[in-house]
Amino acid sequence: MASVMSSGMIRGLGTVVVFLAFVGLALWVFSGKRSPEFAEARLLPFADEPLSGEATQEPETRSTRP
């Protein structure tokens, strides 16, 4: 007996794989032990520290000579 997978079976397996990946990602994101890491990352857009390369560079000026 030949084992042939139909396109419906392949699509069904793909759906199951994507669903399991979604559940795994959701469990990882809402895990209690990751909360401190995400709390720190949540505040990164409000950090006032300039990047190390930007703080030491002088602004470039354009020459007015033709």
N, C-alpha and C. Protein backbone atom coordinates (compact mmCIF):
# COMPACT_ATOMS: atom_id res chain seq x y z
N MET A 1 0.83 -1.16 0.00
CA MET A 1 0.00 0.00 0.00
C MET A 1 0.89 1.24 0.00
N ALA A 2 0.69 2.10 -0.97
CA ALA A 2 1.49 3.31 -1.11
C ALA A 2 0.94 4.40 -0.20
N SER A 3 1.84 5.10 0.43
CA SER A 3 1.44 6.18 1.33
C SER A 3 1.58 7.50 0.58
N VAL A 4 0.45 8.08 0.21
CA VAL A 4 0.44 9.34 -0.53
C VAL A 4 -0.27 10.38 0.33
N MET A 5 0.41 11.51 0.53
CA MET A 5 -0.20 12.58 1.32
C MET A 5 -0.91 13.54 0.38
N SER A 6 -2.15 13.79 0.67
CA SER A 6 -2.91 14.72 -0.16
C SER A 6 -2.57 16.15 0.24
N SER A 7 -2.94 17.10 -0.60
CA SER A 7 -2.65 18.51 -0.31
C SER A 7 -3.41 18.97 0.93
N GLY A 8 -4.59 18.41 1.17
CA GLY A 8 -5.34 18.75 2.37
C GLY A 8 -4.63 18.29 3.63
N MET A 9 -4.01 17.11 3.57
CA MET A 9 -3.27 16.60 4.72
C MET A 9 -2.03 17.46 4.99
N ILE A 10 -1.35 17.88 3.95
CA ILE A 10 -0.16 18.72 4.10
C ILE A 10 -0.56 20.08 4.68
N ARG A 11 -1.64 20.65 4.20
CA ARG A 11 -2.12 21.93 4.74
C ARG A 11 -2.53 21.78 6.20
N GLY A 12 -3.15 20.69 6.54
CA GLY A 12 -3.55 20.44 7.93
C GLY A 12 -2.35 20.33 8.84
N LEU A 13 -1.32 19.63 8.40
CA LEU A 13 -0.10 19.51 9.20
C LEU A 13 0.59 20.88 9.34
N GLY A 14 0.58 21.66 8.28
CA GLY A 14 1.15 23.00 8.35
C GLY A 14 0.41 23.87 9.35
N THR A 15 -0.91 23.74 9.36
CA THR A 15 -1.71 24.50 10.32
C THR A 15 -1.38 24.09 11.75
N VAL A 16 -1.21 22.81 11.98
CA VAL A 16 -0.87 22.33 13.32
C VAL A 16 0.50 22.85 13.74
N VAL A 17 1.46 22.85 12.84
CA VAL A 17 2.82 23.34 13.16
C VAL A 17 2.77 24.82 13.50
N VAL A 18 2.06 25.62 12.71
CA VAL A 18 1.97 27.06 12.97
C VAL A 18 1.23 27.31 14.29
N PHE A 19 0.19 26.55 14.57
CA PHE A 19 -0.55 26.70 15.83
C PHE A 19 0.34 26.38 17.02
N LEU A 20 1.11 25.32 16.94
CA LEU A 20 2.02 24.97 18.03
C LEU A 20 3.10 26.03 18.22
N ALA A 21 3.59 26.61 17.13
CA ALA A 21 4.57 27.69 17.24
C ALA A 21 3.95 28.91 17.91
N PHE A 22 2.71 29.22 17.58
CA PHE A 22 2.01 30.34 18.20
C PHE A 22 1.82 30.13 19.69
N VAL A 23 1.40 28.94 20.08
CA VAL A 23 1.19 28.64 21.49
C VAL A 23 2.53 28.71 22.24
N GLY A 24 3.58 28.17 21.65
CA GLY A 24 4.90 28.23 22.28
C GLY A 24 5.39 29.65 22.45
N LEU A 25 5.20 30.48 21.45
CA LEU A 25 5.60 31.88 21.53
C LEU A 25 4.79 32.62 22.58
N ALA A 26 3.50 32.37 22.63
CA ALA A 26 2.65 33.02 23.62
C ALA A 26 3.07 32.61 25.04
N LEU A 27 3.38 31.35 25.25
CA LEU A 27 3.84 30.90 26.57
C LEU A 27 5.18 31.55 26.93
N TRP A 28 6.07 31.70 25.96
CA TRP A 28 7.37 32.31 26.20
C TRP A 28 7.21 33.79 26.57
N VAL A 29 6.35 34.50 25.84
CA VAL A 29 6.17 35.93 26.08
C VAL A 29 5.53 36.18 27.43
N PHE A 30 4.52 35.41 27.79
CA PHE A 30 3.79 35.64 29.03
C PHE A 30 4.34 34.84 30.22
N SER A 31 5.54 34.29 30.06
CA SER A 31 6.17 33.55 31.15
C SER A 31 6.57 34.53 32.25
N GLY A 32 6.36 34.15 33.50
CA GLY A 32 6.67 35.02 34.62
C GLY A 32 8.16 35.29 34.80
N LYS A 33 9.01 34.34 34.45
CA LYS A 33 10.45 34.56 34.67
C LYS A 33 11.06 35.49 33.63
N ARG A 34 10.36 35.80 32.56
CA ARG A 34 10.85 36.74 31.55
C ARG A 34 10.41 38.17 31.84
N SER A 35 9.57 38.37 32.82
CA SER A 35 9.00 39.68 33.11
C SER A 35 10.05 40.77 33.36
N PRO A 36 11.11 40.53 34.14
CA PRO A 36 12.11 41.59 34.34
C PRO A 36 12.81 42.01 33.05
N GLU A 37 13.10 41.06 32.18
CA GLU A 37 13.74 41.38 30.89
C GLU A 37 12.84 42.26 30.04
N PHE A 38 11.57 41.91 29.97
CA PHE A 38 10.63 42.68 29.16
C PHE A 38 10.34 44.03 29.78
N ALA A 39 10.37 44.13 31.11
CA ALA A 39 10.15 45.42 31.77
C ALA A 39 11.29 46.38 31.42
N GLU A 40 12.51 45.87 31.37
CA GLU A 40 13.65 46.71 30.99
C GLU A 40 13.57 47.10 29.52
N ALA A 41 13.22 46.18 28.67
CA ALA A 41 13.13 46.46 27.23
C ALA A 41 11.99 47.43 26.93
N ARG A 42 10.94 47.39 27.74
CA ARG A 42 9.80 48.27 27.53
C ARG A 42 10.18 49.73 27.73
N LEU A 43 11.20 50.00 28.56
CA LEU A 43 11.61 51.37 28.85
C LEU A 43 12.72 51.88 27.93
N LEU A 44 13.25 51.05 27.06
CA LEU A 44 14.35 51.47 26.19
C LEU A 44 14.04 52.68 25.31
N PRO A 45 12.85 52.86 24.77
CA PRO A 45 12.60 54.05 23.94
C PRO A 45 12.70 55.36 24.72
N PHE A 46 12.60 55.29 26.03
CA PHE A 46 12.63 56.50 26.84
C PHE A 46 14.01 56.78 27.44
N ALA A 47 15.00 55.99 27.09
CA ALA A 47 16.35 56.18 27.63
C ALA A 47 16.94 57.47 27.07
N ASP A 48 17.56 58.27 27.94
CA ASP A 48 18.12 59.56 27.54
C ASP A 48 19.57 59.48 27.14
N GLU A 49 20.19 58.35 27.28
CA GLU A 49 21.60 58.23 26.97
C GLU A 49 21.82 58.23 25.47
N PRO A 50 22.70 59.11 24.95
CA PRO A 50 22.99 59.09 23.51
C PRO A 50 23.87 57.90 23.16
N LEU A 51 23.85 57.52 21.92
CA LEU A 51 24.72 56.45 21.47
C LEU A 51 26.16 56.91 21.55
N SER A 52 27.09 55.99 21.76
CA SER A 52 28.49 56.36 21.98
C SER A 52 29.09 57.06 20.77
N GLY A 53 28.73 56.70 19.57
CA GLY A 53 29.29 57.32 18.37
C GLY A 53 28.74 58.71 18.12
N GLU A 54 27.51 58.97 18.51
CA GLU A 54 26.89 60.27 18.26
C GLU A 54 27.37 61.33 19.24
N ALA A 55 27.77 60.95 20.43
CA ALA A 55 28.11 61.92 21.46
C ALA A 55 29.45 62.60 21.19
N THR A 56 30.37 61.94 20.51
CA THR A 56 31.71 62.48 20.34
C THR A 56 31.92 63.16 18.99
N GLN A 57 31.03 62.97 18.05
CA GLN A 57 31.21 63.56 16.72
C GLN A 57 30.79 65.02 16.72
N GLU A 58 31.58 65.82 16.00
CA GLU A 58 31.21 67.22 15.82
C GLU A 58 30.29 67.32 14.60
N PRO A 59 29.38 68.28 14.59
CA PRO A 59 28.49 68.40 13.43
C PRO A 59 29.27 68.84 12.20
N GLU A 60 28.89 68.28 11.08
CA GLU A 60 29.57 68.62 9.83
C GLU A 60 29.03 69.96 9.31
N THR A 61 29.92 70.78 8.77
CA THR A 61 29.51 72.05 8.19
C THR A 61 29.75 72.03 6.69
N ARG A 62 28.98 72.78 5.98
CA ARG A 62 29.15 72.86 4.53
C ARG A 62 30.01 74.05 4.18
N SER A 63 30.76 73.87 3.15
CA SER A 63 31.60 74.97 2.69
C SER A 63 30.77 75.90 1.83
N THR A 64 31.01 77.21 1.97
CA THR A 64 30.30 78.18 1.15
C THR A 64 31.12 78.61 -0.05
N ARG A 65 32.31 78.05 -0.19
CA ARG A 65 33.15 78.42 -1.33
C ARG A 65 32.69 77.70 -2.57
N PRO A 66 32.76 78.38 -3.72
CA PRO A 66 32.30 77.76 -4.99
C PRO A 66 33.24 76.70 -5.49
